[in-house]
Amino acid sequence: MALRHFLTLNDLSPAELDHVIARAIELKAEHRERRQGVQFPNYVLGMIFEKASTRTRISFEAGIAQFGGHAIFLSPRDTQLGRGEPTEDSARVISSMCDIVMIRTFEHSIIEKFAEYSSVPVINALTDDYHPCQLLADIQTFVEHRGSIKGKQVTWVGDGNNMCQSYINAAIQFDFKLKIACPEGFDPRADLVEAAGDRVEIIRDPAEAAKGSDLLVTDVWASMGQEEEKAERRRKLAGYQINAELMSHANPDALYMHCLPAKRGEEISAELMDSPDTVIWDEAENRLHAQKALMEFLLTQ
């Protein structure tokens, strides 16, 4: 079997990504009917967390358990990684004892180095540059509620952070148009925007960016590690909130999403967060099903 990793959405072909999304929907139905199979008995998932987590830890740990496997949670306090052991040494050792590894860390180069020396599949559970697992859940949610996202228009609102940069990758891989509404100084990486060509456009006015969109997406204004910048970020991003007024500029049946945790009254209004027809809670649950489909894909290559 060929060893495959999932560090960004670009590590799978568009057809493979479509397969993972379709399989995630199947696994969700099986889970709700309590008829899922035990595909990976006695398999071990190593979970390396250098950043805090709620949804990522629960979804991966529950997912491998539902497959009949077991998860080992490793924080910086629990491993030699937190005491300066070279990443390549940790990768060799951890991958020799686990069947698959997921990592939530800071610099993207850390997970690239780990994957280079790992003998088992490695999954990016978030780095400073990308959050591809969340994109799988987002696309699954859109497909469930509106059908294929191909040819649609998506608007990102707020900081051009790791989620925004994964949406740039998604625009290419899933073939949709992405408009990024962000203030100057908050742009995503220029090389990613350039590589996306005419699929991605940066627009400073959120209302203009929302016109004709089928999906609006946002994230917190201050990500992990940016806590000291909160006040300044709040001031500069104040006009970049997803709310009812902004949604009025989008298509009538447009969805809105948030990867959570959310700050009601900042990047998204409380009215939308707590609306009875929001898909945000479906989006959160779909982390479980999308990641199960991803693990199944990587373990059966």
C-alpha atoms as a PDB file:
ATOM      1  CA  MET A   1       0.000   0.000   0.000  1.00  0.00           C
ATOM      2  CA  ALA A   2       1.196   3.515  -0.790  1.00  0.00           C
ATOM      3  CA  LEU A   3       1.706   5.753   2.236  1.00  0.00           C
ATOM      4  CA  ARG A   4      -0.525   8.834   2.035  1.00  0.00           C
ATOM      5  CA  HIS A   5      -0.697  11.875   4.290  1.00  0.00           C
ATOM      6  CA  PHE A   6      -3.289  14.647   4.638  1.00  0.00           C
ATOM      7  CA  LEU A   7      -1.424  17.858   5.394  1.00  0.00           C
ATOM      8  CA  THR A   8      -3.486  20.088   3.108  1.00  0.00           C
ATOM      9  CA  LEU A   9      -6.460  19.542   0.824  1.00  0.00           C
ATOM     10  CA  ASN A  10      -3.978  19.362  -2.051  1.00  0.00           C
ATOM     11  CA  ASP A  11      -2.774  15.956  -0.828  1.00  0.00           C
ATOM     12  CA  LEU A  12      -5.913  14.356  -2.254  1.00  0.00           C
ATOM     13  CA  SER A  13      -7.194  14.688  -5.799  1.00  0.00           C
ATOM     14  CA  PRO A  14     -10.590  16.334  -6.412  1.00  0.00           C
ATOM     15  CA  ALA A  15     -12.065  12.893  -7.106  1.00  0.00           C
ATOM     16  CA  GLU A  16     -10.615  11.504  -3.874  1.00  0.00           C
ATOM     17  CA  LEU A  17     -11.980  14.450  -1.907  1.00  0.00           C
ATOM     18  CA  ASP A  18     -15.427  13.892  -3.412  1.00  0.00           C
ATOM     19  CA  HIS A  19     -15.164  10.242  -2.387  1.00  0.00           C
ATOM     20  CA  VAL A  20     -14.288  11.195   1.200  1.00  0.00           C
ATOM     21  CA  ILE A  21     -17.251  13.605   1.386  1.00  0.00           C
ATOM     22  CA  ALA A  22     -19.656  10.987   0.010  1.00  0.00           C
ATOM     23  CA  ARG A  23     -18.294   8.367   2.394  1.00  0.00           C
ATOM     24  CA  ALA A  24     -18.632  10.790   5.333  1.00  0.00           C
ATOM     25  CA  ILE A  25     -22.331  11.159   4.549  1.00  0.00           C
ATOM     26  CA  GLU A  26     -22.683   7.358   4.442  1.00  0.00           C
ATOM     27  CA  LEU A  27     -20.851   6.944   7.746  1.00  0.00           C
ATOM     28  CA  LYS A  28     -23.062   9.597   9.323  1.00  0.00           C
ATOM     29  CA  ALA A  29     -26.179   7.663   8.311  1.00  0.00           C
ATOM     30  CA  GLU A  30     -24.679   4.411   9.594  1.00  0.00           C
ATOM     31  CA  HIS A  31     -23.766   6.064  12.890  1.00  0.00           C
ATOM     32  CA  ARG A  32     -27.274   7.405  13.417  1.00  0.00           C
ATOM     33  CA  GLU A  33     -28.741   3.984  12.702  1.00  0.00           C
ATOM     34  CA  ARG A  34     -26.171   2.351  14.990  1.00  0.00           C
ATOM     35  CA  ARG A  35     -25.035   0.010  12.252  1.00  0.00           C
ATOM     36  CA  GLN A  36     -21.451   1.141  11.680  1.00  0.00           C
ATOM     37  CA  GLY A  37     -18.866  -1.587  11.308  1.00  0.00           C
ATOM     38  CA  VAL A  38     -15.686  -2.139  13.274  1.00  0.00           C
ATOM     39  CA  GLN A  39     -13.271  -1.562  10.382  1.00  0.00           C
ATOM     40  CA  PHE A  40     -10.082  -1.108  12.395  1.00  0.00           C
ATOM     41  CA  PRO A  41     -10.054  -3.276  15.545  1.00  0.00           C
ATOM     42  CA  ASN A  42      -6.979  -2.739  17.715  1.00  0.00           C
ATOM     43  CA  TYR A  43      -5.701   0.099  15.515  1.00  0.00           C
ATOM     44  CA  VAL A  44      -4.067   2.936  17.434  1.00  0.00           C
ATOM     45  CA  LEU A  45      -4.415   6.636  16.599  1.00  0.00           C
ATOM     46  CA  GLY A  46      -1.686   8.849  18.037  1.00  0.00           C
ATOM     47  CA  MET A  47      -3.056  12.345  18.767  1.00  0.00           C
ATOM     48  CA  ILE A  48      -0.392  15.024  19.251  1.00  0.00           C
ATOM     49  CA  PHE A  49      -1.760  18.319  20.552  1.00  0.00           C
ATOM     50  CA  GLU A  50       0.469  21.374  20.911  1.00  0.00           C
ATOM     51  CA  LYS A  51      -2.626  23.610  20.769  1.00  0.00           C
ATOM     52  CA  ALA A  52      -5.810  23.386  22.819  1.00  0.00           C
ATOM     53  CA  SER A  53      -8.806  21.620  21.318  1.00  0.00           C
ATOM     54  CA  THR A  54     -12.419  20.652  21.898  1.00  0.00           C
ATOM     55  CA  ARG A  55     -13.993  19.488  18.634  1.00  0.00           C
ATOM     56  CA  THR A  56     -10.773  18.098  17.155  1.00  0.00           C
ATOM     57  CA  ARG A  57      -9.947  15.894  20.123  1.00  0.00           C
ATOM     58  CA  ILE A  58     -13.496  14.621  20.630  1.00  0.00           C
ATOM     59  CA  SER A  59     -14.124  13.930  16.941  1.00  0.00           C
ATOM     60  CA  PHE A  60     -10.882  12.039  16.332  1.00  0.00           C
ATOM     61  CA  GLU A  61     -11.031  10.094  19.584  1.00  0.00           C
ATOM     62  CA  ALA A  62     -14.693   9.173  19.135  1.00  0.00           C
ATOM     63  CA  GLY A  63     -14.111   8.353  15.475  1.00  0.00           C
ATOM     64  CA  ILE A  64     -11.330   5.830  16.006  1.00  0.00           C
ATOM     65  CA  ALA A  65     -13.271   4.297  18.922  1.00  0.00           C
ATOM     66  CA  GLN A  66     -16.313   3.793  16.683  1.00  0.00           C
ATOM     67  CA  PHE A  67     -14.019   2.009  14.219  1.00  0.00           C
ATOM     68  CA  GLY A  68     -12.967  -0.369  17.004  1.00  0.00           C
ATOM     69  CA  GLY A  69      -9.611   1.287  17.592  1.00  0.00           C
ATOM     70  CA  HIS A  70      -8.024   3.289  20.381  1.00  0.00           C
ATOM     71  CA  ALA A  71      -6.606   6.801  20.698  1.00  0.00           C
ATOM     72  CA  ILE A  72      -3.583   8.011  22.657  1.00  0.00           C
ATOM     73  CA  PHE A  73      -3.698  11.706  23.610  1.00  0.00           C
ATOM     74  CA  LEU A  74      -0.288  13.370  23.759  1.00  0.00           C
ATOM     75  CA  SER A  75       0.210  16.953  24.934  1.00  0.00           C
ATOM     76  CA  PRO A  76       3.566  18.811  25.108  1.00  0.00           C
ATOM     77  CA  ARG A  77       3.684  17.855  28.788  1.00  0.00           C
ATOM     78  CA  ASP A  78       3.391  14.165  27.872  1.00  0.00           C
ATOM     79  CA  THR A  79       6.092  13.835  25.219  1.00  0.00           C
ATOM     80  CA  GLN A  80       9.710  14.673  24.563  1.00  0.00           C
ATOM     81  CA  LEU A  81       8.521  16.919  21.711  1.00  0.00           C
ATOM     82  CA  GLY A  82       7.708  19.476  24.373  1.00  0.00           C
ATOM     83  CA  ARG A  83      11.276  19.207  25.699  1.00  0.00           C
ATOM     84  CA  GLY A  84      13.064  19.727  22.416  1.00  0.00           C
ATOM     85  CA  GLU A  85      13.386  16.240  20.928  1.00  0.00           C
ATOM     86  CA  PRO A  86      13.883  16.572  17.147  1.00  0.00           C
ATOM     87  CA  THR A  87      10.625  16.160  15.255  1.00  0.00           C
ATOM     88  CA  GLU A  88      12.115  13.483  13.012  1.00  0.00           C
ATOM     89  CA  ASP A  89      13.091  11.360  16.038  1.00  0.00           C
ATOM     90  CA  SER A  90       9.626  11.616  17.540  1.00  0.00           C
ATOM     91  CA  ALA A  91       8.095  10.774  14.174  1.00  0.00           C
ATOM     92  CA  ARG A  92      10.136   7.615  13.791  1.00  0.00           C
ATOM     93  CA  VAL A  93       9.264   6.378  17.281  1.00  0.00           C
ATOM     94  CA  ILE A  94       5.587   7.357  17.453  1.00  0.00           C
ATOM     95  CA  SER A  95       4.808   6.030  13.978  1.00  0.00           C
ATOM     96  CA  SER A  96       6.473   2.694  14.830  1.00  0.00           C
ATOM     97  CA  MET A  97       3.894   2.172  17.577  1.00  0.00           C
ATOM     98  CA  CYS A  98       0.774   3.739  16.062  1.00  0.00           C
ATOM     99  CA  ASP A  99      -1.195   2.997  12.897  1.00  0.00           C
ATOM    100  CA  ILE A 100      -2.056   6.609  12.109  1.00  0.00           C
ATOM    101  CA  VAL A 101      -1.140   9.994  13.652  1.00  0.00           C
ATOM    102  CA  MET A 102      -2.887  13.353  13.799  1.00  0.00           C
ATOM    103  CA  ILE A 103      -1.089  16.531  14.836  1.00  0.00           C
ATOM    104  CA  ARG A 104      -2.375  19.930  15.963  1.00  0.00           C
ATOM    105  CA  THR A 105       0.584  22.293  16.096  1.00  0.00           C
ATOM    106  CA  PHE A 106       1.988  25.712  15.208  1.00  0.00           C
ATOM    107  CA  GLU A 107       4.365  26.040  12.229  1.00  0.00           C
ATOM    108  CA  HIS A 108       3.268  24.001   9.234  1.00  0.00           C
ATOM    109  CA  SER A 109       6.885  22.938   8.738  1.00  0.00           C
ATOM    110  CA  ILE A 110       6.617  20.845  11.933  1.00  0.00           C
ATOM    111  CA  ILE A 111       3.945  18.566  10.505  1.00  0.00           C
ATOM    112  CA  GLU A 112       5.738  18.403   7.152  1.00  0.00           C
ATOM    113  CA  LYS A 113       8.894  17.232   8.923  1.00  0.00           C
ATOM    114  CA  PHE A 114       6.941  14.726  10.991  1.00  0.00           C
ATOM    115  CA  ALA A 115       5.265  13.284   7.890  1.00  0.00           C
ATOM    116  CA  GLU A 116       8.619  13.025   6.108  1.00  0.00           C
ATOM    117  CA  TYR A 117       9.907  10.637   8.783  1.00  0.00           C
ATOM    118  CA  SER A 118       6.641   8.880   9.675  1.00  0.00           C
ATOM    119  CA  SER A 119       5.986   5.304   8.582  1.00  0.00           C
ATOM    120  CA  VAL A 120       2.199   5.735   8.917  1.00  0.00           C
ATOM    121  CA  PRO A 121      -0.349   8.275   7.600  1.00  0.00           C
ATOM    122  CA  VAL A 122      -0.211  11.732   9.186  1.00  0.00           C
ATOM    123  CA  ILE A 123      -3.230  14.055   9.387  1.00  0.00           C
ATOM    124  CA  ASN A 124      -3.059  17.819   9.843  1.00  0.00           C
ATOM    125  CA  ALA A 125      -5.518  18.609  12.631  1.00  0.00           C
ATOM    126  CA  LEU A 126      -4.576  22.334  12.400  1.00  0.00           C
ATOM    127  CA  THR A 127      -1.429  24.358  11.882  1.00  0.00           C
ATOM    128  CA  ASP A 128      -0.887  28.088  11.695  1.00  0.00           C
ATOM    129  CA  ASP A 129      -1.266  27.862   7.901  1.00  0.00           C
ATOM    130  CA  TYR A 130      -4.043  25.339   7.273  1.00  0.00           C
ATOM    131  CA  HIS A 131      -7.039  23.544   8.805  1.00  0.00           C
ATOM    132  CA  PRO A 132      -8.021  21.013   6.112  1.00  0.00           C
ATOM    133  CA  CYS A 133     -10.089  18.692   8.323  1.00  0.00           C
ATOM    134  CA  GLN A 134     -12.485  21.546   9.064  1.00  0.00           C
ATOM    135  CA  LEU A 135     -12.897  22.097   5.336  1.00  0.00           C
ATOM    136  CA  LEU A 136     -13.978  18.487   4.870  1.00  0.00           C
ATOM    137  CA  ALA A 137     -16.701  19.050   7.470  1.00  0.00           C
ATOM    138  CA  ASP A 138     -17.735  22.357   5.891  1.00  0.00           C
ATOM    139  CA  ILE A 139     -18.022  20.904   2.406  1.00  0.00           C
ATOM    140  CA  GLN A 140     -19.918  17.894   3.738  1.00  0.00           C
ATOM    141  CA  THR A 141     -22.373  20.264   5.431  1.00  0.00           C
ATOM    142  CA  PHE A 142     -22.912  22.268   2.261  1.00  0.00           C
ATOM    143  CA  VAL A 143     -23.446  19.109   0.192  1.00  0.00           C
ATOM    144  CA  GLU A 144     -25.986  17.790   2.705  1.00  0.00           C
ATOM    145  CA  HIS A 145     -28.022  21.008   2.652  1.00  0.00           C
ATOM    146  CA  ARG A 146     -27.533  22.411  -0.845  1.00  0.00           C
ATOM    147  CA  GLY A 147     -25.906  19.740  -3.032  1.00  0.00           C
ATOM    148  CA  SER A 148     -22.599  20.056  -4.861  1.00  0.00           C
ATOM    149  CA  ILE A 149     -20.525  23.163  -4.141  1.00  0.00           C
ATOM    150  CA  LYS A 150     -18.972  23.036  -7.616  1.00  0.00           C
ATOM    151  CA  GLY A 151     -19.557  26.288  -9.482  1.00  0.00           C
ATOM    152  CA  LYS A 152     -20.939  28.049  -6.389  1.00  0.00           C
ATOM    153  CA  GLN A 153     -19.679  31.255  -4.806  1.00  0.00           C
ATOM    154  CA  VAL A 154     -18.300  31.353  -1.262  1.00  0.00           C
ATOM    155  CA  THR A 155     -17.432  34.464   0.737  1.00  0.00           C
ATOM    156  CA  TRP A 156     -14.882  34.424   3.524  1.00  0.00           C
ATOM    157  CA  VAL A 157     -15.377  37.259   6.034  1.00  0.00           C
ATOM    158  CA  GLY A 158     -12.647  38.402   8.432  1.00  0.00           C
ATOM    159  CA  ASP A 159      -9.022  37.497   9.052  1.00  0.00           C
ATOM    160  CA  GLY A 160      -7.162  35.719   6.243  1.00  0.00           C
ATOM    161  CA  ASN A 161      -6.049  33.010   8.658  1.00  0.00           C
ATOM    162  CA  ASN A 162      -5.458  29.260   8.377  1.00  0.00           C
ATOM    163  CA  MET A 163      -9.154  28.608   7.746  1.00  0.00           C
ATOM    164  CA  CYS A 164      -9.223  31.196   4.987  1.00  0.00           C
ATOM    165  CA  GLN A 165      -6.116  29.657   3.427  1.00  0.00           C
ATOM    166  CA  SER A 166      -7.690  26.208   3.465  1.00  0.00           C
ATOM    167  CA  TYR A 167     -10.728  27.739   1.747  1.00  0.00           C
ATOM    168  CA  ILE A 168      -8.365  28.939  -0.980  1.00  0.00           C
ATOM    169  CA  ASN A 169      -7.194  25.352  -1.457  1.00  0.00           C
ATOM    170  CA  ALA A 170     -10.808  24.204  -1.396  1.00  0.00           C
ATOM    171  CA  ALA A 171     -11.809  26.669  -4.116  1.00  0.00           C
ATOM    172  CA  ILE A 172      -9.324  24.944  -6.420  1.00  0.00           C
ATOM    173  CA  GLN A 173     -10.002  21.358  -5.362  1.00  0.00           C
ATOM    174  CA  PHE A 174     -13.801  21.626  -5.238  1.00  0.00           C
ATOM    175  CA  ASP A 175     -14.057  24.131  -8.118  1.00  0.00           C
ATOM    176  CA  PHE A 176     -15.911  27.110  -6.641  1.00  0.00           C
ATOM    177  CA  LYS A 177     -15.378  30.872  -6.624  1.00  0.00           C
ATOM    178  CA  LEU A 178     -14.046  32.380  -3.383  1.00  0.00           C
ATOM    179  CA  LYS A 179     -14.346  36.036  -2.440  1.00  0.00           C
ATOM    180  CA  ILE A 180     -12.312  37.074   0.586  1.00  0.00           C
ATOM    181  CA  ALA A 181     -13.565  40.091   2.536  1.00  0.00           C
ATOM    182  CA  CYS A 182     -10.823  41.315   4.837  1.00  0.00           C
ATOM    183  CA  PRO A 183      -9.229  44.659   5.778  1.00  0.00           C
ATOM    184  CA  GLU A 184      -5.745  45.576   4.607  1.00  0.00           C
ATOM    185  CA  GLY A 185      -3.124  43.879   6.716  1.00  0.00           C
ATOM    186  CA  PHE A 186      -5.259  40.764   7.179  1.00  0.00           C
ATOM    187  CA  ASP A 187      -4.800  39.203   3.742  1.00  0.00           C
ATOM    188  CA  PRO A 188      -4.073  35.493   3.364  1.00  0.00           C
ATOM    189  CA  ARG A 189      -0.703  34.482   1.931  1.00  0.00           C
ATOM    190  CA  ALA A 190      -0.123  36.154  -1.421  1.00  0.00           C
ATOM    191  CA  ASP A 191       1.386  33.038  -2.994  1.00  0.00           C
ATOM    192  CA  LEU A 192      -1.782  31.046  -2.278  1.00  0.00           C
ATOM    193  CA  VAL A 193      -4.005  33.755  -3.732  1.00  0.00           C
ATOM    194  CA  GLU A 194      -1.815  33.980  -6.837  1.00  0.00           C
ATOM    195  CA  ALA A 195      -1.791  30.204  -7.311  1.00  0.00           C
ATOM    196  CA  ALA A 196      -5.596  30.143  -7.189  1.00  0.00           C
ATOM    197  CA  GLY A 197      -5.846  32.513 -10.153  1.00  0.00           C
ATOM    198  CA  ASP A 198      -9.325  33.782 -10.991  1.00  0.00           C
ATOM    199  CA  ARG A 199     -10.967  31.429  -8.483  1.00  0.00           C
ATOM    200  CA  VAL A 200     -10.049  33.782  -5.614  1.00  0.00           C
ATOM    201  CA  GLU A 201     -10.632  37.519  -5.255  1.00  0.00           C
ATOM    202  CA  ILE A 202      -9.910  39.827  -2.309  1.00  0.00           C
ATOM    203  CA  ILE A 203     -12.571  42.505  -1.735  1.00  0.00           C
ATOM    204  CA  ARG A 204     -12.386  45.025   1.105  1.00  0.00           C
ATOM    205  CA  ASP A 205     -16.156  45.663   1.335  1.00  0.00           C
ATOM    206  CA  PRO A 206     -17.973  42.702   2.957  1.00  0.00           C
ATOM    207  CA  ALA A 207     -21.342  43.647   1.432  1.00  0.00           C
ATOM    208  CA  GLU A 208     -19.832  43.708  -2.050  1.00  0.00           C
ATOM    209  CA  ALA A 209     -18.111  40.373  -1.431  1.00  0.00           C
ATOM    210  CA  ALA A 210     -21.361  38.798  -0.235  1.00  0.00           C
ATOM    211  CA  LYS A 211     -23.302  39.606  -3.418  1.00  0.00           C
ATOM    212  CA  GLY A 212     -24.302  36.446  -5.244  1.00  0.00           C
ATOM    213  CA  SER A 213     -22.772  34.138  -2.639  1.00  0.00           C
ATOM    214  CA  ASP A 214     -24.152  30.742  -1.680  1.00  0.00           C
ATOM    215  CA  LEU A 215     -22.122  30.420   1.519  1.00  0.00           C
ATOM    216  CA  LEU A 216     -20.597  32.902   3.958  1.00  0.00           C
ATOM    217  CA  VAL A 217     -17.908  31.699   6.373  1.00  0.00           C
ATOM    218  CA  THR A 218     -15.998  33.271   9.231  1.00  0.00           C
ATOM    219  CA  ASP A 219     -13.749  32.527  12.213  1.00  0.00           C
ATOM    220  CA  VAL A 220     -12.669  34.293  15.397  1.00  0.00           C
ATOM    221  CA  TRP A 221     -10.788  37.550  14.934  1.00  0.00           C
ATOM    222  CA  ALA A 222      -7.949  36.472  17.242  1.00  0.00           C
ATOM    223  CA  SER A 223      -6.741  32.905  16.791  1.00  0.00           C
ATOM    224  CA  MET A 224      -4.692  30.890  19.296  1.00  0.00           C
ATOM    225  CA  GLY A 225      -1.417  32.671  19.921  1.00  0.00           C
ATOM    226  CA  GLN A 226      -2.837  36.102  19.048  1.00  0.00           C
ATOM    227  CA  GLU A 227      -4.451  36.877  22.397  1.00  0.00           C
ATOM    228  CA  GLU A 228      -2.279  39.947  22.995  1.00  0.00           C
ATOM    229  CA  GLU A 229      -3.536  41.451  19.732  1.00  0.00           C
ATOM    230  CA  LYS A 230      -7.245  41.110  20.582  1.00  0.00           C
ATOM    231  CA  ALA A 231      -8.035  44.774  21.116  1.00  0.00           C
ATOM    232  CA  GLU A 232      -6.287  45.920  17.934  1.00  0.00           C
ATOM    233  CA  ARG A 233      -7.837  43.116  15.902  1.00  0.00           C
ATOM    234  CA  ARG A 234     -11.287  43.902  17.269  1.00  0.00           C
ATOM    235  CA  ARG A 235     -10.891  47.525  16.176  1.00  0.00           C
ATOM    236  CA  LYS A 236      -9.694  46.728  12.656  1.00  0.00           C
ATOM    237  CA  LEU A 237     -12.129  43.886  11.991  1.00  0.00           C
ATOM    238  CA  ALA A 238     -15.190  45.580  13.519  1.00  0.00           C
ATOM    239  CA  GLY A 239     -16.926  45.928  10.145  1.00  0.00           C
ATOM    240  CA  TYR A 240     -16.401  42.296   9.182  1.00  0.00           C
ATOM    241  CA  GLN A 241     -19.213  40.524  10.989  1.00  0.00           C
ATOM    242  CA  ILE A 242     -21.587  37.956   9.519  1.00  0.00           C
ATOM    243  CA  ASN A 243     -25.030  39.129  10.533  1.00  0.00           C
ATOM    244  CA  ALA A 244     -28.542  39.399   9.092  1.00  0.00           C
ATOM    245  CA  GLU A 245     -27.718  42.596   7.216  1.00  0.00           C
ATOM    246  CA  LEU A 246     -24.699  41.054   5.515  1.00  0.00           C
ATOM    247  CA  MET A 247     -26.643  37.885   4.688  1.00  0.00           C
ATOM    248  CA  SER A 248     -29.241  40.060   2.929  1.00  0.00           C
ATOM    249  CA  HIS A 249     -26.655  40.764   0.216  1.00  0.00           C
ATOM    250  CA  ALA A 250     -26.085  37.047  -0.449  1.00  0.00           C
ATOM    251  CA  ASN A 251     -28.354  34.687  -2.376  1.00  0.00           C
ATOM    252  CA  PRO A 252     -31.713  34.084  -0.641  1.00  0.00           C
ATOM    253  CA  ASP A 253     -30.877  30.464   0.273  1.00  0.00           C
ATOM    254  CA  ALA A 254     -27.271  31.152   1.267  1.00  0.00           C
ATOM    255  CA  LEU A 255     -25.818  29.295   4.240  1.00  0.00           C
ATOM    256  CA  TYR A 256     -23.399  30.646   6.823  1.00  0.00           C
ATOM    257  CA  MET A 257     -20.812  28.659   8.765  1.00  0.00           C
ATOM    258  CA  HIS A 258     -18.354  29.062  11.621  1.00  0.00           C
ATOM    259  CA  CYS A 259     -15.712  26.494  12.649  1.00  0.00           C
ATOM    260  CA  LEU A 260     -16.090  27.383  16.361  1.00  0.00           C
ATOM    261  CA  PRO A 261     -15.429  28.454  19.032  1.00  0.00           C
ATOM    262  CA  ALA A 262     -17.371  31.629  18.247  1.00  0.00           C
ATOM    263  CA  LYS A 263     -17.447  35.071  19.813  1.00  0.00           C
ATOM    264  CA  ARG A 264     -21.063  36.183  19.567  1.00  0.00           C
ATOM    265  CA  GLY A 265     -21.253  39.871  18.750  1.00  0.00           C
ATOM    266  CA  GLU A 266     -17.801  39.956  17.150  1.00  0.00           C
ATOM    267  CA  GLU A 267     -17.235  37.917  13.967  1.00  0.00           C
ATOM    268  CA  ILE A 268     -20.837  36.643  13.979  1.00  0.00           C
ATOM    269  CA  SER A 269     -24.045  37.968  15.499  1.00  0.00           C
ATOM    270  CA  ALA A 270     -25.782  36.160  18.341  1.00  0.00           C
ATOM    271  CA  GLU A 271     -28.953  36.225  16.247  1.00  0.00           C
ATOM    272  CA  LEU A 272     -27.398  34.029  13.559  1.00  0.00           C
ATOM    273  CA  MET A 273     -25.484  31.795  15.961  1.00  0.00           C
ATOM    274  CA  ASP A 274     -28.654  30.965  17.863  1.00  0.00           C
ATOM    275  CA  SER A 275     -31.026  30.819  14.900  1.00  0.00           C
ATOM    276  CA  PRO A 276     -33.059  27.582  14.815  1.00  0.00           C
ATOM    277  CA  ASP A 277     -32.176  27.027  11.150  1.00  0.00           C
ATOM    278  CA  THR A 278     -28.405  27.481  11.451  1.00  0.00           C
ATOM    279  CA  VAL A 279     -26.226  24.666  10.060  1.00  0.00           C
ATOM    280  CA  ILE A 280     -23.303  25.489  12.356  1.00  0.00           C
ATOM    281  CA  TRP A 281     -24.104  22.596  14.701  1.00  0.00           C
ATOM    282  CA  ASP A 282     -24.323  20.189  11.749  1.00  0.00           C
ATOM    283  CA  GLU A 283     -20.974  21.563  10.640  1.00  0.00           C
ATOM    284  CA  ALA A 284     -19.486  20.841  14.074  1.00  0.00           C
ATOM    285  CA  GLU A 285     -20.864  17.287  14.196  1.00  0.00           C
ATOM    286  CA  ASN A 286     -19.577  16.605  10.703  1.00  0.00           C
ATOM    287  CA  ARG A 287     -16.007  16.845  11.967  1.00  0.00           C
ATOM    288  CA  LEU A 288     -16.610  13.342  13.357  1.00  0.00           C
ATOM    289  CA  HIS A 289     -17.961  11.821  10.167  1.00  0.00           C
ATOM    290  CA  ALA A 290     -15.602  13.577   7.738  1.00  0.00           C
ATOM    291  CA  GLN A 291     -12.545  12.570   9.760  1.00  0.00           C
ATOM    292  CA  LYS A 292     -13.745   8.974  10.028  1.00  0.00           C
ATOM    293  CA  ALA A 293     -14.030   8.920   6.237  1.00  0.00           C
ATOM    294  CA  LEU A 294     -10.562  10.451   5.958  1.00  0.00           C
ATOM    295  CA  MET A 295      -8.976   7.950   8.344  1.00  0.00           C
ATOM    296  CA  GLU A 296     -10.661   5.082   6.507  1.00  0.00           C
ATOM    297  CA  PHE A 297      -9.329   6.404   3.196  1.00  0.00           C
ATOM    298  CA  LEU A 298      -5.761   6.790   4.462  1.00  0.00           C
ATOM    299  CA  LEU A 299      -5.711   3.419   6.206  1.00  0.00           C
ATOM    300  CA  THR A 300      -6.919   1.511   3.177  1.00  0.00           C
ATOM    301  CA  GLN A 301      -4.564   2.941   0.550  1.00  0.00           C
END
